[in-house]
Amino acid sequence: MPKKVAVGLVTRDSAAKTRRVELPRLIQHPKYKKYLRRRTICHVHDEKEESNMGDTVEIIECRPYSKTKRWELVRVVTKSTAVDLAAMKAAKAAEAESQES
């Protein structure tokens, strides 16, 4: 039986070599026929730690690495373009401080 392959968004990267990936999907309500947004959470093994928060990644089913981790990172499809404002402010403050000295 072939392994499942999915594409999702990295929502958490705080643990070492582990990423939390959300797979969005739409389901139709059985009675009212309205489409509802649902998500599946997968814990993914990222050996080289090449993905970060906000990246779109491709994952594949694998052997269990732990109680919840059953997916492996194949590749990073797109990198995140989000900007960390706190880091930018800290860098700007450090630059201003060094120019004053």
N, C-alpha and C. Protein backbone atom coordinates (compact mmCIF):
# COMPACT_ATOMS: atom_id res chain seq x y z
N MET A 1 0.84 -1.18 0.00
CA MET A 1 0.00 0.00 0.00
C MET A 1 0.88 1.25 0.00
N PRO A 2 0.65 2.22 -0.89
CA PRO A 2 1.49 3.40 -0.94
C PRO A 2 1.30 4.30 0.28
N LYS A 3 2.36 5.02 0.60
CA LYS A 3 2.31 5.92 1.74
C LYS A 3 1.55 7.19 1.36
N LYS A 4 0.86 7.77 2.34
CA LYS A 4 0.12 9.01 2.10
C LYS A 4 1.08 10.18 2.03
N VAL A 5 0.80 11.11 1.14
CA VAL A 5 1.58 12.33 0.99
C VAL A 5 0.62 13.50 1.17
N ALA A 6 1.06 14.53 1.91
CA ALA A 6 0.19 15.69 2.15
C ALA A 6 1.01 16.96 2.13
N VAL A 7 0.32 18.09 1.92
CA VAL A 7 0.95 19.40 1.94
C VAL A 7 0.23 20.23 2.99
N GLY A 8 0.99 20.84 3.91
CA GLY A 8 0.38 21.62 4.98
C GLY A 8 1.26 22.77 5.42
N LEU A 9 0.79 23.48 6.44
CA LEU A 9 1.44 24.68 6.95
C LEU A 9 2.04 24.39 8.32
N VAL A 10 3.31 24.77 8.54
CA VAL A 10 3.97 24.58 9.83
C VAL A 10 3.43 25.63 10.80
N THR A 11 2.85 25.17 11.92
CA THR A 11 2.28 26.09 12.90
C THR A 11 3.08 26.17 14.18
N ARG A 12 4.00 25.23 14.39
CA ARG A 12 4.81 25.26 15.60
C ARG A 12 6.15 24.60 15.31
N ASP A 13 7.23 25.24 15.76
CA ASP A 13 8.57 24.68 15.55
C ASP A 13 9.43 24.79 16.79
N SER A 14 8.81 24.71 17.97
CA SER A 14 9.54 24.91 19.21
C SER A 14 10.35 23.69 19.66
N ALA A 15 9.90 22.50 19.33
CA ALA A 15 10.62 21.28 19.75
C ALA A 15 11.74 20.95 18.77
N ALA A 16 12.76 20.29 19.26
CA ALA A 16 13.90 19.91 18.42
C ALA A 16 13.48 18.78 17.47
N LYS A 17 13.75 18.95 16.17
CA LYS A 17 13.49 17.96 15.13
C LYS A 17 12.02 17.58 14.98
N THR A 18 11.12 18.39 15.53
CA THR A 18 9.68 18.12 15.42
C THR A 18 8.97 19.39 14.99
N ARG A 19 8.05 19.23 14.05
CA ARG A 19 7.23 20.34 13.59
C ARG A 19 5.77 19.94 13.69
N ARG A 20 4.92 20.92 13.99
CA ARG A 20 3.48 20.67 14.00
C ARG A 20 2.92 21.25 12.71
N VAL A 21 2.28 20.42 11.91
CA VAL A 21 1.78 20.83 10.60
C VAL A 21 0.27 20.69 10.59
N GLU A 22 -0.40 21.73 10.09
CA GLU A 22 -1.86 21.70 9.96
C GLU A 22 -2.23 21.45 8.51
N LEU A 23 -3.16 20.51 8.32
CA LEU A 23 -3.68 20.21 6.99
C LEU A 23 -5.13 20.67 6.94
N PRO A 24 -5.41 21.79 6.26
CA PRO A 24 -6.80 22.28 6.20
C PRO A 24 -7.64 21.45 5.24
N ARG A 25 -8.94 21.33 5.54
CA ARG A 25 -9.85 20.61 4.67
C ARG A 25 -11.25 21.18 4.84
N LEU A 26 -12.10 20.94 3.88
CA LEU A 26 -13.49 21.36 3.94
C LEU A 26 -14.37 20.12 4.02
N ILE A 27 -15.38 20.18 4.91
CA ILE A 27 -16.37 19.10 4.97
C ILE A 27 -17.75 19.72 4.79
N GLN A 28 -18.67 18.93 4.30
CA GLN A 28 -20.03 19.41 4.12
C GLN A 28 -20.90 18.87 5.25
N HIS A 29 -21.65 19.76 5.89
CA HIS A 29 -22.54 19.35 6.97
C HIS A 29 -23.60 18.40 6.40
N PRO A 30 -23.84 17.26 7.06
CA PRO A 30 -24.75 16.27 6.48
C PRO A 30 -26.19 16.76 6.33
N LYS A 31 -26.66 17.60 7.24
CA LYS A 31 -28.04 18.06 7.18
C LYS A 31 -28.18 19.40 6.45
N TYR A 32 -27.35 20.37 6.84
CA TYR A 32 -27.52 21.73 6.33
C TYR A 32 -26.72 22.02 5.06
N LYS A 33 -25.85 21.12 4.68
CA LYS A 33 -25.08 21.21 3.43
C LYS A 33 -24.11 22.41 3.39
N LYS A 34 -23.88 23.04 4.53
CA LYS A 34 -22.92 24.15 4.58
C LYS A 34 -21.51 23.56 4.66
N TYR A 35 -20.56 24.21 3.99
CA TYR A 35 -19.18 23.76 4.04
C TYR A 35 -18.50 24.33 5.27
N LEU A 36 -17.85 23.47 6.02
CA LEU A 36 -17.18 23.85 7.26
C LEU A 36 -15.68 23.62 7.12
N ARG A 37 -14.91 24.52 7.70
CA ARG A 37 -13.45 24.37 7.70
C ARG A 37 -13.03 23.49 8.87
N ARG A 38 -12.26 22.49 8.58
CA ARG A 38 -11.70 21.62 9.61
C ARG A 38 -10.20 21.50 9.35
N ARG A 39 -9.46 21.03 10.33
CA ARG A 39 -8.03 20.86 10.16
C ARG A 39 -7.58 19.57 10.82
N THR A 40 -6.52 19.01 10.27
CA THR A 40 -5.88 17.84 10.83
C THR A 40 -4.49 18.26 11.28
N ILE A 41 -4.13 17.90 12.51
CA ILE A 41 -2.83 18.25 13.06
C ILE A 41 -1.92 17.02 12.94
N CYS A 42 -0.74 17.21 12.35
CA CYS A 42 0.24 16.14 12.22
C CYS A 42 1.55 16.59 12.86
N HIS A 43 2.15 15.71 13.62
CA HIS A 43 3.48 15.97 14.15
C HIS A 43 4.48 15.32 13.20
N VAL A 44 5.45 16.12 12.74
CA VAL A 44 6.33 15.72 11.65
C VAL A 44 7.78 15.68 12.14
N HIS A 45 8.51 14.66 11.71
CA HIS A 45 9.94 14.54 12.03
C HIS A 45 10.73 15.32 10.98
N ASP A 46 11.51 16.30 11.44
CA ASP A 46 12.34 17.14 10.58
C ASP A 46 13.79 16.97 11.04
N GLU A 47 14.47 15.99 10.48
CA GLU A 47 15.81 15.62 10.92
C GLU A 47 16.81 16.77 10.81
N LYS A 48 16.81 17.49 9.71
CA LYS A 48 17.79 18.57 9.48
C LYS A 48 17.29 19.93 9.96
N GLU A 49 16.10 20.00 10.51
CA GLU A 49 15.48 21.23 10.99
C GLU A 49 15.53 22.33 9.92
N GLU A 50 15.07 21.99 8.72
CA GLU A 50 15.10 22.94 7.61
C GLU A 50 13.82 23.74 7.46
N SER A 51 12.75 23.38 8.16
CA SER A 51 11.50 24.13 8.08
C SER A 51 11.34 25.03 9.30
N ASN A 52 10.60 26.11 9.11
CA ASN A 52 10.32 27.06 10.19
C ASN A 52 8.84 27.37 10.22
N MET A 53 8.44 28.15 11.21
CA MET A 53 7.05 28.51 11.37
C MET A 53 6.55 29.29 10.14
N GLY A 54 5.38 28.91 9.64
CA GLY A 54 4.78 29.59 8.51
C GLY A 54 5.12 28.99 7.16
N ASP A 55 6.06 28.05 7.11
CA ASP A 55 6.44 27.42 5.84
C ASP A 55 5.37 26.43 5.38
N THR A 56 5.24 26.30 4.08
CA THR A 56 4.39 25.25 3.51
C THR A 56 5.29 24.07 3.19
N VAL A 57 4.94 22.89 3.71
CA VAL A 57 5.81 21.73 3.58
C VAL A 57 5.05 20.54 3.01
N GLU A 58 5.82 19.62 2.41
CA GLU A 58 5.28 18.36 1.93
C GLU A 58 5.73 17.28 2.90
N ILE A 59 4.79 16.45 3.36
CA ILE A 59 5.10 15.41 4.34
C ILE A 59 4.62 14.06 3.82
N ILE A 60 5.21 13.00 4.39
CA ILE A 60 4.85 11.64 3.98
C ILE A 60 4.74 10.76 5.23
N GLU A 61 3.86 9.79 5.15
CA GLU A 61 3.68 8.84 6.25
C GLU A 61 4.95 8.04 6.47
N CYS A 62 5.23 7.68 7.72
CA CYS A 62 6.42 6.88 8.01
C CYS A 62 6.17 6.03 9.26
N ARG A 63 7.21 5.37 9.68
CA ARG A 63 7.11 4.56 10.90
C ARG A 63 6.92 5.48 12.10
N PRO A 64 6.36 5.00 13.21
CA PRO A 64 6.19 5.86 14.38
C PRO A 64 7.53 6.24 15.02
N TYR A 65 7.78 7.52 15.16
CA TYR A 65 8.97 8.01 15.86
C TYR A 65 8.69 8.17 17.35
N SER A 66 7.43 8.46 17.69
CA SER A 66 7.03 8.62 19.09
C SER A 66 5.53 8.34 19.18
N LYS A 67 4.93 8.70 20.31
CA LYS A 67 3.50 8.45 20.51
C LYS A 67 2.65 9.18 19.47
N THR A 68 3.02 10.40 19.13
CA THR A 68 2.20 11.19 18.20
C THR A 68 2.85 11.44 16.85
N LYS A 69 4.15 11.21 16.73
CA LYS A 69 4.89 11.57 15.51
C LYS A 69 4.93 10.40 14.53
N ARG A 70 4.15 10.55 13.41
CA ARG A 70 4.06 9.48 12.41
C ARG A 70 4.24 9.99 10.99
N TRP A 71 4.79 11.17 10.84
CA TRP A 71 5.02 11.77 9.53
C TRP A 71 6.46 12.25 9.44
N GLU A 72 6.96 12.34 8.21
CA GLU A 72 8.33 12.75 7.95
C GLU A 72 8.32 13.89 6.92
N LEU A 73 9.22 14.84 7.07
CA LEU A 73 9.32 15.95 6.14
C LEU A 73 9.98 15.49 4.85
N VAL A 74 9.36 15.80 3.70
CA VAL A 74 9.93 15.48 2.40
C VAL A 74 10.71 16.69 1.89
N ARG A 75 10.01 17.85 1.83
CA ARG A 75 10.65 19.07 1.34
C ARG A 75 9.85 20.28 1.79
N VAL A 76 10.51 21.43 1.76
CA VAL A 76 9.84 22.69 2.02
C VAL A 76 9.37 23.23 0.68
N VAL A 77 8.05 23.38 0.52
CA VAL A 77 7.49 23.85 -0.74
C VAL A 77 7.72 25.35 -0.89
N THR A 78 7.30 26.14 0.10
CA THR A 78 7.55 27.59 0.09
C THR A 78 7.96 28.04 1.48
N LYS A 79 8.90 28.97 1.52
CA LYS A 79 9.35 29.54 2.78
C LYS A 79 8.38 30.64 3.22
N SER A 80 8.32 30.89 4.51
CA SER A 80 7.46 31.92 5.05
C SER A 80 8.02 33.30 4.73
N THR A 81 7.12 34.25 4.47
CA THR A 81 7.55 35.62 4.20
C THR A 81 7.19 36.54 5.35
N ALA A 82 6.75 35.99 6.47
CA ALA A 82 6.39 36.80 7.64
C ALA A 82 7.63 37.44 8.24
N VAL A 83 7.45 38.64 8.77
CA VAL A 83 8.56 39.40 9.34
C VAL A 83 8.38 39.42 10.86
N ASP A 84 9.48 39.17 11.58
CA ASP A 84 9.46 39.21 13.04
C ASP A 84 9.71 40.65 13.48
N LEU A 85 8.66 41.35 13.89
CA LEU A 85 8.78 42.76 14.25
C LEU A 85 9.61 42.97 15.51
N ALA A 86 9.49 42.07 16.48
CA ALA A 86 10.25 42.21 17.72
C ALA A 86 11.75 42.13 17.45
N ALA A 87 12.15 41.22 16.57
CA ALA A 87 13.57 41.08 16.23
C ALA A 87 14.07 42.31 15.48
N MET A 88 13.22 42.87 14.59
CA MET A 88 13.62 44.07 13.86
C MET A 88 13.80 45.26 14.79
N LYS A 89 12.90 45.43 15.77
CA LYS A 89 13.01 46.53 16.73
C LYS A 89 14.26 46.38 17.59
N ALA A 90 14.55 45.15 18.01
CA ALA A 90 15.73 44.91 18.83
C ALA A 90 17.00 45.20 18.04
N ALA A 91 17.03 44.81 16.77
CA ALA A 91 18.20 45.08 15.93
C ALA A 91 18.38 46.57 15.71
N LYS A 92 17.28 47.29 15.50
CA LYS A 92 17.34 48.73 15.28
C LYS A 92 17.82 49.44 16.55
N ALA A 93 17.36 48.99 17.72
CA ALA A 93 17.78 49.57 18.99
C ALA A 93 19.27 49.32 19.24
N ALA A 94 19.74 48.11 18.92
CA ALA A 94 21.15 47.80 19.10
C ALA A 94 22.02 48.62 18.17
N GLU A 95 21.53 48.85 16.94
CA GLU A 95 22.28 49.67 15.97
C GLU A 95 22.36 51.13 16.43
N ALA A 96 21.24 51.65 16.96
CA ALA A 96 21.24 53.04 17.45
C ALA A 96 22.16 53.19 18.65
N GLU A 97 22.19 52.19 19.51
CA GLU A 97 23.05 52.22 20.70
C GLU A 97 24.52 52.20 20.31
N SER A 98 24.86 51.41 19.30
CA SER A 98 26.26 51.32 18.87
C SER A 98 26.71 52.59 18.19
N GLN A 99 25.81 53.32 17.52
CA GLN A 99 26.17 54.57 16.87
C GLN A 99 26.37 55.68 17.90
N GLU A 100 25.66 55.63 19.03
CA GLU A 100 25.81 56.62 20.10
C GLU A 100 27.15 56.52 20.79
N SER A 101 27.69 55.33 20.86
CA SER A 101 28.96 55.10 21.59
C SER A 101 30.16 55.60 20.84
